[in-house]
Amino acid sequence: MMIKPFFVLAFCVHISSMGQSTQKNWPVEMQDSLESVLNYVNTNRVDDLLEKQKRNNKNTVRVYRVQIYSGNRNGSKQAQERFNEIYPNLKAQTSYEQPYFKTKVDAFRTRLNAEKTLKKYKKHFKDAFIFEEYISIDKL
């Protein structure tokens, strides 16, 4: 009777000692079999989600803006000064996107509001148009 519990105990000790190996380096044969293959699937949907995640991380928001001028530095400065004379309460912003200086005004959450305001600006700036831009929340 005493022999059965002894064999059970010996078997359990043997199994538990096999589960904890102190070997730090796997044999070469095992390393080859442990390598995994990474399949990368690039789709438009994945790219769209990544772009959305980038925008969310940067605290940016999509707005519709009106561009009243695109060209050289002097023309951009003149357009900004003219806009400030006509609309003194509004701010015009000039930026450089190679090779053009661009004068932009206002920021609207909806395209409908931007189109209403564009009609007003078209009286003085015939080349004005609406474009979509992502701007930092700090600039609002």
Protein backbone atom coordinates (compact mmCIF):
# COMPACT_ATOMS: atom_id res chain seq x y z
CA MET A 1 0.00 0.00 0.00
CA MET A 2 2.80 2.37 0.78
CA ILE A 3 4.34 1.92 -2.65
CA LYS A 4 1.47 3.60 -4.61
CA PRO A 5 1.69 6.99 -2.85
CA PHE A 6 5.46 6.87 -3.21
CA PHE A 7 5.21 6.41 -7.00
CA VAL A 8 2.61 9.18 -7.27
CA LEU A 9 4.83 11.55 -5.29
CA ALA A 10 7.92 10.63 -7.33
CA PHE A 11 6.00 11.11 -10.59
CA CYS A 12 4.74 14.58 -9.51
CA VAL A 13 8.23 15.71 -8.48
CA HIS A 14 9.64 14.48 -11.79
CA ILE A 15 6.98 16.31 -13.84
CA SER A 16 7.37 19.59 -11.93
CA SER A 17 11.16 19.54 -12.32
CA MET A 18 10.81 19.16 -16.11
CA GLY A 19 8.62 22.26 -16.36
CA GLN A 20 11.24 24.58 -14.92
CA SER A 21 14.31 24.45 -17.07
CA THR A 22 17.30 26.65 -16.23
CA GLN A 23 18.59 26.48 -19.79
CA LYS A 24 19.04 30.03 -21.08
CA ASN A 25 19.83 29.36 -24.72
CA TRP A 26 17.53 27.31 -26.87
CA PRO A 27 19.11 24.76 -29.18
CA VAL A 28 19.49 25.99 -32.75
CA GLU A 29 16.88 23.51 -34.00
CA MET A 30 14.29 24.94 -31.58
CA GLN A 31 15.13 28.58 -32.42
CA ASP A 32 14.31 27.99 -36.07
CA SER A 33 10.96 26.47 -35.24
CA LEU A 34 10.06 29.33 -32.84
CA GLU A 35 10.43 32.07 -35.45
CA SER A 36 7.15 33.66 -36.37
CA VAL A 37 6.03 35.27 -39.58
CA LEU A 38 4.43 38.72 -39.54
CA ASN A 39 1.92 39.33 -42.30
CA TYR A 40 1.37 43.05 -42.96
CA VAL A 41 -1.85 44.00 -44.66
CA ASN A 42 -1.96 47.58 -45.87
CA THR A 43 -5.39 48.79 -46.85
CA ASN A 44 -6.95 52.19 -47.26
CA ARG A 45 -9.13 51.60 -44.22
CA VAL A 46 -6.10 50.90 -42.01
CA ASP A 47 -4.38 54.04 -43.32
CA ASP A 48 -7.53 56.09 -42.63
CA LEU A 49 -7.70 54.81 -39.07
CA LEU A 50 -4.03 55.55 -38.49
CA GLU A 51 -4.48 59.08 -39.85
CA LYS A 52 -7.49 59.59 -37.58
CA GLN A 53 -5.50 58.39 -34.59
CA LYS A 54 -2.65 60.79 -35.41
CA ARG A 55 -5.08 63.71 -35.58
CA ASN A 56 -6.61 62.74 -32.24
CA ASN A 57 -3.22 62.54 -30.56
CA LYS A 58 -2.18 65.99 -31.75
CA ASN A 59 -5.28 67.79 -30.45
CA THR A 60 -6.22 69.07 -33.88
CA VAL A 61 -9.60 69.78 -35.35
CA ARG A 62 -10.86 69.88 -38.94
CA VAL A 63 -11.98 73.34 -40.04
CA TYR A 64 -12.94 75.08 -43.27
CA ARG A 65 -10.94 78.20 -44.03
CA VAL A 66 -11.04 80.88 -46.70
CA GLN A 67 -7.87 81.59 -48.64
CA ILE A 68 -7.85 85.06 -50.14
CA TYR A 69 -4.38 85.06 -51.73
CA SER A 70 -1.63 82.72 -52.91
CA GLY A 71 1.56 84.02 -54.50
CA ASN A 72 4.65 86.04 -53.61
CA ARG A 73 5.47 87.63 -50.27
CA ASN A 74 4.61 91.20 -51.26
CA GLY A 75 1.22 90.23 -52.67
CA SER A 76 0.42 88.24 -49.56
CA LYS A 77 1.35 91.17 -47.34
CA GLN A 78 -0.78 93.53 -49.42
CA ALA A 79 -3.76 91.15 -49.30
CA GLN A 80 -3.42 90.88 -45.51
CA GLU A 81 -3.25 94.68 -45.09
CA ARG A 82 -6.23 95.19 -47.41
CA PHE A 83 -8.24 92.57 -45.52
CA ASN A 84 -7.41 94.25 -42.19
CA GLU A 85 -8.59 97.61 -43.57
CA ILE A 86 -11.91 96.19 -44.78
CA TYR A 87 -12.50 93.87 -41.79
CA PRO A 88 -10.60 95.37 -38.82
CA ASN A 89 -12.14 92.97 -36.26
CA LEU A 90 -11.00 89.82 -38.08
CA LYS A 91 -7.54 88.31 -38.21
CA ALA A 92 -5.75 87.30 -41.42
CA GLN A 93 -2.92 84.79 -41.27
CA THR A 94 -0.05 84.43 -43.73
CA SER A 95 1.81 81.16 -44.09
CA TYR A 96 4.52 79.87 -46.39
CA GLU A 97 4.01 76.61 -48.22
CA GLN A 98 6.76 76.25 -50.74
CA PRO A 99 6.81 78.00 -53.18
CA TYR A 100 3.84 80.22 -52.26
CA PHE A 101 2.84 82.60 -49.50
CA LYS A 102 -0.81 82.08 -48.60
CA THR A 103 -3.14 84.46 -46.81
CA LYS A 104 -5.93 82.69 -44.92
CA VAL A 105 -8.83 84.02 -42.88
CA ASP A 106 -11.45 82.62 -40.51
CA ALA A 107 -12.01 79.05 -39.40
CA PHE A 108 -15.44 77.41 -39.65
CA ARG A 109 -16.69 74.12 -38.26
CA THR A 110 -19.08 73.57 -41.19
CA ARG A 111 -18.65 74.14 -44.88
CA LEU A 112 -22.05 75.82 -45.07
CA ASN A 113 -20.94 78.64 -42.77
CA ALA A 114 -17.72 79.01 -44.74
CA GLU A 115 -19.65 79.33 -48.01
CA LYS A 116 -21.88 82.05 -46.58
CA THR A 117 -18.85 84.07 -45.54
CA LEU A 118 -17.03 83.37 -48.82
CA LYS A 119 -19.74 85.26 -50.71
CA LYS A 120 -18.99 88.32 -48.59
CA TYR A 121 -15.22 88.06 -49.19
CA LYS A 122 -15.59 87.47 -52.95
CA LYS A 123 -16.71 91.10 -53.35
CA HIS A 124 -13.20 92.29 -52.44
CA PHE A 125 -11.06 89.22 -53.17
CA LYS A 126 -12.17 87.55 -56.41
CA ASP A 127 -9.75 84.59 -56.14
CA ALA A 128 -10.89 83.59 -52.64
CA PHE A 129 -11.87 79.97 -52.09
CA ILE A 130 -12.66 77.48 -49.32
CA PHE A 131 -10.31 74.69 -48.29
CA GLU A 132 -10.22 72.10 -45.53
CA GLU A 133 -7.43 72.18 -42.98
CA TYR A 134 -6.51 70.57 -39.68
CA ILE A 135 -5.41 73.14 -37.14
CA SER A 136 -4.30 72.92 -33.54
CA ILE A 137 -6.94 73.59 -30.93
CA ASP A 138 -4.54 76.10 -29.37
CA LYS A 139 -4.85 78.33 -32.46
CA LEU A 140 -8.61 78.62 -32.14
